[in-house]
Amino acid sequence: MVITAAGTATRTADARADAGTATHIGAPSAAGTVADAPASTVTLAGRAARDCLSQAQLSPSAVGVLVNVGVYRESNTFEPALAAMVQKEAGISLDYLADPAAAFSFDLMNGACGVLNAVQVGQALLDTAGTERLLITAADVHPGGDARRDPEYPYADLAGALLLERSADPDAGFGPVKHYTGDGPTDEGYLDTARMGSDGRSLITVRRAEDHARRMSDLAATAVTDYAHAYGIDLERTLVIGPGASAGVLPAEAGEPHTAAPVLGYLRAMAAGRPKDCDQLLFVTAGAGPSAACASYRPEGW
């Protein structure tokens, strides 16, 4: 199973292979533009999804399953499933008469590890011919519609998407996805109902332990070491796309990537080109729980 296309979307820009240029994503724009309008999880995820389909030169009806892994969304909306709304926004199988091959969509939330959870689901579906293509969307938006206005909220209003399909190259694609857990929570994201008043739909509280960064880094390092040992991976020949791989892609005031971070890290790696003596990638995610996940990946032609 390989990545056919990858895309991102912010309130101001879409990005693909040039995601390595920090000024491309989330560049400041003039007052009164779309950058000042409230962000929407569905809109951003839909844009990222359409970007993938455009790159792959496929119609929306080519997608059989859509998995949405975003966590934070405008107005703290949890019902109906946002995946169904993203499917509509992307134009995937909206008319049973025009598109007799029905598509299915669902939400799958596991914080920063959500993309790799969806990859694991994709492996099962594609390996068993449950679908020909699977689209992963990862979008997070502050419930108030603008993360920049909440200095206590760490994440950017951002979406990423990956289009996956089977490959004829037996050496290409994802390896196993493996999960890891640590001790004690490092992050908490919740709605404080005791203090929200009448503004609960636009508020969110995110708290991090003082040693958050160190514990996430330690857990990610442990996961990489264990995964390499378990699956015989030579780290000297592996490009690691870790939790910090997308650092600097967004302006500091925009916030940090959350569930879409693996997509940005992948785009940056592809834009930089294949490093000398590297023949595969290793995706590593780490987030609240604390939890981490790893999956090796060899692009076609590597």
Protein backbone atom coordinates (compact mmCIF):
# COMPACT_ATOMS: atom_id res chain seq x y z
CA MET A 1 0.00 0.00 0.00
CA VAL A 2 1.53 3.27 -1.13
CA ILE A 3 0.83 6.98 -0.88
CA THR A 4 -0.48 8.10 -4.26
CA ALA A 5 -0.83 11.76 -3.30
CA ALA A 6 -0.61 14.03 -0.26
CA GLY A 7 -1.93 17.52 0.34
CA THR A 8 -2.52 20.12 3.02
CA ALA A 9 -4.75 23.13 3.49
CA THR A 10 -4.76 26.12 5.85
CA ARG A 11 -7.00 29.16 5.98
CA THR A 12 -4.73 30.85 3.41
CA ALA A 13 -3.04 28.21 1.26
CA ASP A 14 -2.82 24.68 -0.09
CA ALA A 15 0.56 22.98 -0.30
CA ARG A 16 2.00 19.85 -1.84
CA ALA A 17 5.59 19.02 -2.59
CA ASP A 18 6.81 22.51 -1.75
CA ALA A 19 5.74 22.14 1.88
CA GLY A 20 9.41 22.45 2.77
CA THR A 21 9.11 26.20 2.22
CA ALA A 22 7.92 27.74 5.45
CA THR A 23 6.48 30.82 3.74
CA HIS A 24 4.17 28.77 1.53
CA ILE A 25 1.84 27.45 4.21
CA GLY A 26 -0.08 29.88 6.33
CA ALA A 27 1.60 33.00 4.95
CA PRO A 28 0.09 36.23 6.36
CA SER A 29 -2.60 37.83 4.22
CA ALA A 30 -4.35 41.15 4.17
CA ALA A 31 -7.18 41.98 6.59
CA GLY A 32 -10.61 41.14 5.32
CA THR A 33 -9.45 38.10 3.35
CA VAL A 34 -10.25 34.43 3.90
CA ALA A 35 -7.48 34.38 6.54
CA ASP A 36 -9.74 36.37 8.88
CA ALA A 37 -12.85 34.24 8.36
CA PRO A 38 -13.55 31.46 10.89
CA ALA A 39 -11.78 28.25 9.92
CA SER A 40 -13.80 25.09 9.30
CA THR A 41 -12.57 21.54 9.79
CA VAL A 42 -14.84 20.29 7.03
CA THR A 43 -13.75 22.97 4.56
CA LEU A 44 -10.03 22.50 5.22
CA ALA A 45 -10.23 18.70 5.11
CA GLY A 46 -12.27 18.90 1.91
CA ARG A 47 -9.68 21.16 0.28
CA ALA A 48 -6.84 18.84 1.26
CA ALA A 49 -8.81 15.86 -0.07
CA ARG A 50 -9.52 17.57 -3.40
CA ASP A 51 -5.84 18.51 -3.63
CA CYS A 52 -4.91 14.81 -3.40
CA LEU A 53 -7.42 13.83 -6.05
CA SER A 54 -6.22 16.59 -8.36
CA GLN A 55 -2.62 15.43 -8.05
CA ALA A 56 -3.61 11.83 -8.75
CA GLN A 57 -5.85 12.95 -11.62
CA LEU A 58 -8.73 11.00 -10.19
CA SER A 59 -12.40 11.81 -9.81
CA PRO A 60 -13.91 11.78 -6.31
CA SER A 61 -15.79 8.58 -7.18
CA ALA A 62 -12.44 6.74 -7.31
CA VAL A 63 -12.30 6.80 -3.49
CA GLY A 64 -13.96 3.87 -1.75
CA VAL A 65 -13.31 4.75 1.92
CA LEU A 66 -12.61 8.04 3.68
CA VAL A 67 -11.20 8.04 7.23
CA ASN A 68 -11.16 11.34 9.11
CA VAL A 69 -8.77 11.48 12.08
CA GLY A 70 -8.98 15.13 13.18
CA VAL A 71 -9.69 15.87 16.84
CA TYR A 72 -10.48 19.58 17.31
CA ARG A 73 -13.29 21.06 15.25
CA GLU A 74 -15.29 24.26 14.94
CA SER A 75 -18.09 24.77 17.48
CA ASN A 76 -17.00 21.54 19.23
CA THR A 77 -19.10 19.59 16.72
CA PHE A 78 -19.12 15.82 17.26
CA GLU A 79 -22.40 14.73 15.66
CA PRO A 80 -22.95 13.86 12.91
CA ALA A 81 -19.62 12.23 12.12
CA LEU A 82 -17.42 14.81 10.45
CA ALA A 83 -16.14 12.20 8.01
CA ALA A 84 -19.54 12.17 6.30
CA MET A 85 -19.44 15.97 6.02
CA VAL A 86 -15.88 15.85 4.64
CA GLN A 87 -17.00 13.23 2.13
CA LYS A 88 -19.71 15.61 0.95
CA GLU A 89 -17.28 18.55 0.82
CA ALA A 90 -14.88 16.50 -1.31
CA GLY A 91 -17.72 15.40 -3.61
CA ILE A 92 -17.19 11.69 -3.07
CA SER A 93 -20.08 9.46 -4.25
CA LEU A 94 -22.88 11.92 -3.57
CA ASP A 95 -25.32 10.49 -6.11
CA TYR A 96 -26.08 6.77 -6.07
CA LEU A 97 -27.38 6.94 -9.64
CA ALA A 98 -24.37 8.79 -11.03
CA ASP A 99 -21.87 6.89 -8.83
CA PRO A 100 -23.24 3.36 -8.28
CA ALA A 101 -20.05 2.35 -6.44
CA ALA A 102 -20.91 3.54 -2.93
CA ALA A 103 -18.26 5.05 -0.66
CA PHE A 104 -18.03 4.75 3.11
CA SER A 105 -16.62 7.25 5.62
CA PHE A 106 -16.03 7.32 9.36
CA ASP A 107 -14.18 9.19 12.11
CA LEU A 108 -11.23 7.58 13.86
CA MET A 109 -9.70 9.66 16.65
CA ASN A 110 -6.43 8.93 18.41
CA GLY A 111 -4.80 12.34 18.61
CA ALA A 112 -1.38 12.72 17.03
CA CYS A 113 -1.30 9.00 16.17
CA GLY A 114 -4.54 9.10 14.20
CA VAL A 115 -2.97 9.09 10.73
CA LEU A 116 -1.02 5.91 11.46
CA ASN A 117 -4.13 4.31 12.95
CA ALA A 118 -5.88 5.07 9.67
CA VAL A 119 -2.93 3.62 7.73
CA GLN A 120 -3.40 0.41 9.72
CA VAL A 121 -7.09 0.36 8.79
CA GLY A 122 -6.15 1.04 5.19
CA GLN A 123 -3.77 -1.92 5.12
CA ALA A 124 -6.56 -4.25 6.21
CA LEU A 125 -9.06 -2.89 3.70
CA LEU A 126 -6.71 -2.75 0.72
CA ASP A 127 -5.07 -6.10 1.44
CA THR A 128 -8.47 -7.79 1.48
CA ALA A 129 -9.74 -5.89 -1.58
CA GLY A 130 -12.30 -4.13 0.57
CA THR A 131 -11.65 -1.02 -1.50
CA GLU A 132 -9.35 0.15 -4.27
CA ARG A 133 -8.40 3.48 -2.68
CA LEU A 134 -8.59 4.97 0.79
CA LEU A 135 -8.38 8.66 1.63
CA ILE A 136 -7.19 9.85 5.06
CA THR A 137 -8.04 13.38 6.17
CA ALA A 138 -6.59 14.98 9.29
CA ALA A 139 -7.91 18.43 10.18
CA ASP A 140 -7.90 20.39 13.41
CA VAL A 141 -9.56 23.75 13.96
CA HIS A 142 -10.01 25.75 17.17
CA PRO A 143 -13.67 25.57 18.26
CA GLY A 144 -13.80 29.37 18.02
CA GLY A 145 -12.66 29.24 14.39
CA ASP A 146 -9.27 30.93 14.81
CA ALA A 147 -6.44 29.31 16.78
CA ARG A 148 -4.38 32.50 16.62
CA ARG A 149 -6.77 34.23 19.01
CA ASP A 150 -6.23 31.73 21.83
CA PRO A 151 -2.63 31.90 23.16
CA GLU A 152 -3.24 28.86 25.41
CA TYR A 153 -4.23 26.63 22.49
CA PRO A 154 -1.10 25.14 20.88
CA TYR A 155 -2.37 23.80 17.55
CA ALA A 156 -2.74 25.35 14.10
CA ASP A 157 -5.91 25.48 12.05
CA LEU A 158 -4.65 22.98 9.51
CA ALA A 159 -5.63 19.96 7.41
CA GLY A 160 -3.67 17.22 5.70
CA ALA A 161 -4.69 14.31 3.49
CA LEU A 162 -3.15 11.11 2.15
CA LEU A 163 -4.50 9.05 -0.73
CA LEU A 164 -3.56 5.37 -0.45
CA GLU A 165 -3.80 2.49 -2.91
CA ARG A 166 -2.25 -0.87 -3.66
CA SER A 167 1.07 -0.97 -5.51
CA ALA A 168 2.40 -3.39 -8.11
CA ASP A 169 5.86 -3.00 -6.55
CA PRO A 170 6.17 -5.67 -3.81
CA ASP A 171 9.02 -3.75 -2.16
CA ALA A 172 7.12 -0.46 -1.90
CA GLY A 173 4.62 0.68 0.71
CA PHE A 174 4.01 0.60 4.42
CA GLY A 175 5.35 -1.91 6.88
CA PRO A 176 3.51 -2.89 10.06
CA VAL A 177 2.07 -0.18 12.31
CA LYS A 178 3.12 -0.61 15.93
CA HIS A 179 1.79 1.31 18.94
CA TYR A 180 3.43 2.33 22.21
CA THR A 181 2.23 3.86 25.47
CA GLY A 182 3.90 5.75 28.31
CA ASP A 183 3.07 6.40 31.94
CA GLY A 184 0.74 9.16 33.06
CA PRO A 185 -0.97 11.82 30.93
CA THR A 186 1.09 14.61 29.36
CA ASP A 187 -1.73 16.39 27.49
CA GLU A 188 -5.39 17.03 28.24
CA GLY A 189 -7.87 18.61 25.88
CA TYR A 190 -11.38 19.19 27.19
CA LEU A 191 -14.31 21.57 27.52
CA ASP A 192 -14.50 23.03 31.03
CA THR A 193 -18.27 22.83 31.51
CA ALA A 194 -18.08 24.44 34.95
CA ARG A 195 -16.65 27.65 33.52
CA MET A 196 -17.83 27.78 29.92
CA GLY A 197 -20.96 29.88 30.51
CA SER A 198 -22.81 30.52 27.25
CA ASP A 199 -19.66 30.30 25.10
CA GLY A 200 -19.00 26.58 25.38
CA ARG A 201 -19.21 25.92 21.65
CA SER A 202 -16.29 28.25 20.97
CA LEU A 203 -14.00 27.27 23.86
CA ILE A 204 -11.50 24.48 24.53
CA THR A 205 -8.93 23.90 27.26
CA VAL A 206 -5.61 22.24 26.44
CA ARG A 207 -3.21 21.56 29.29
CA ARG A 208 0.26 20.14 29.05
CA ALA A 209 2.55 18.81 31.77
CA GLU A 210 5.70 20.83 32.34
CA ASP A 211 7.81 17.95 31.09
CA HIS A 212 5.58 17.36 28.06
CA ALA A 213 8.25 17.94 25.43
CA ARG A 214 10.83 15.74 27.13
CA ARG A 215 8.42 12.86 27.68
CA MET A 216 7.14 12.98 24.11
CA SER A 217 10.70 13.01 22.81
CA ASP A 218 11.70 10.11 25.05
CA LEU A 219 8.69 8.03 24.06
CA ALA A 220 9.27 8.70 20.36
CA ALA A 221 12.93 7.70 20.69
CA THR A 222 11.97 4.50 22.53
CA ALA A 223 9.42 3.68 19.83
CA VAL A 224 11.97 4.16 17.04
CA THR A 225 14.55 1.97 18.77
CA ASP A 226 12.05 -0.80 19.51
CA TYR A 227 10.50 -0.73 16.04
CA ALA A 228 13.90 -0.89 14.35
CA HIS A 229 14.87 -3.87 16.50
CA ALA A 230 11.53 -5.65 16.00
CA TYR A 231 11.55 -5.37 12.20
CA GLY A 232 15.26 -5.37 11.43
CA ILE A 233 15.45 -1.79 10.20
CA ASP A 234 18.83 -0.18 9.64
CA LEU A 235 18.37 3.34 11.00
CA GLU A 236 21.52 4.48 9.20
CA ARG A 237 19.62 3.91 5.93
CA THR A 238 16.29 5.27 7.15
CA LEU A 239 14.90 8.79 7.05
CA VAL A 240 12.83 9.28 10.21
CA ILE A 241 9.74 11.48 9.91
CA GLY A 242 9.17 12.22 13.59
CA PRO A 243 6.92 14.54 15.62
CA GLY A 244 9.21 17.49 14.87
CA ALA A 245 9.60 16.84 11.14
CA SER A 246 7.15 19.62 10.26
CA ALA A 247 8.73 22.22 12.55
CA GLY A 248 9.10 25.57 10.85
CA VAL A 249 6.64 24.82 8.05
CA LEU A 250 4.03 27.08 9.65
CA PRO A 251 4.56 30.62 10.98
CA ALA A 252 5.11 30.57 14.76
CA GLU A 253 1.93 32.53 15.41
CA ALA A 254 -0.17 29.93 13.55
CA GLY A 255 0.53 27.19 16.10
CA GLU A 256 1.94 23.70 15.66
CA PRO A 257 0.53 20.89 13.49
CA HIS A 258 -1.46 18.24 15.34
CA THR A 259 -3.07 15.30 13.55
CA ALA A 260 -1.83 16.52 10.14
CA ALA A 261 1.83 16.58 11.27
CA PRO A 262 2.78 13.27 9.54
CA VAL A 263 1.42 14.61 6.25
CA LEU A 264 3.50 17.79 6.49
CA GLY A 265 6.56 15.77 7.48
CA TYR A 266 6.08 13.48 4.48
CA LEU A 267 5.66 16.39 2.08
CA ARG A 268 8.81 18.04 3.42
CA ALA A 269 10.77 14.80 3.03
CA MET A 270 9.58 14.31 -0.54
CA ALA A 271 10.36 17.93 -1.43
CA ALA A 272 13.92 17.55 -0.13
CA GLY A 273 14.55 14.50 -2.29
CA ARG A 274 15.91 11.10 -1.38
CA PRO A 275 18.91 11.38 0.94
CA LYS A 276 22.06 9.55 -0.08
CA ASP A 277 22.18 5.98 1.29
CA CYS A 278 18.55 6.07 2.51
CA ASP A 279 16.16 3.49 1.12
CA GLN A 280 13.08 3.94 3.31
CA LEU A 281 11.17 6.26 5.64
CA LEU A 282 10.01 5.70 9.20
CA PHE A 283 6.91 7.55 10.35
CA VAL A 284 6.88 8.24 14.10
CA THR A 285 4.04 10.00 15.92
CA ALA A 286 3.68 10.85 19.60
CA GLY A 287 0.97 12.65 21.52
CA ALA A 288 -1.46 12.69 24.39
CA GLY A 289 -1.78 9.54 26.44
CA PRO A 290 1.12 9.53 26.16
CA SER A 291 1.08 7.29 23.12
CA ALA A 292 3.25 6.79 20.06
CA ALA A 293 3.12 4.86 16.82
CA CYS A 294 5.63 3.82 14.15
CA ALA A 295 5.36 2.55 10.60
CA SER A 296 8.08 2.07 8.01
CA TYR A 297 7.43 3.22 4.44
CA ARG A 298 9.28 2.76 1.17
CA PRO A 299 8.12 5.04 -1.66
CA GLU A 300 7.88 3.55 -5.12
CA GLY A 301 11.21 3.83 -6.91
CA TRP A 302 13.34 3.99 -3.73
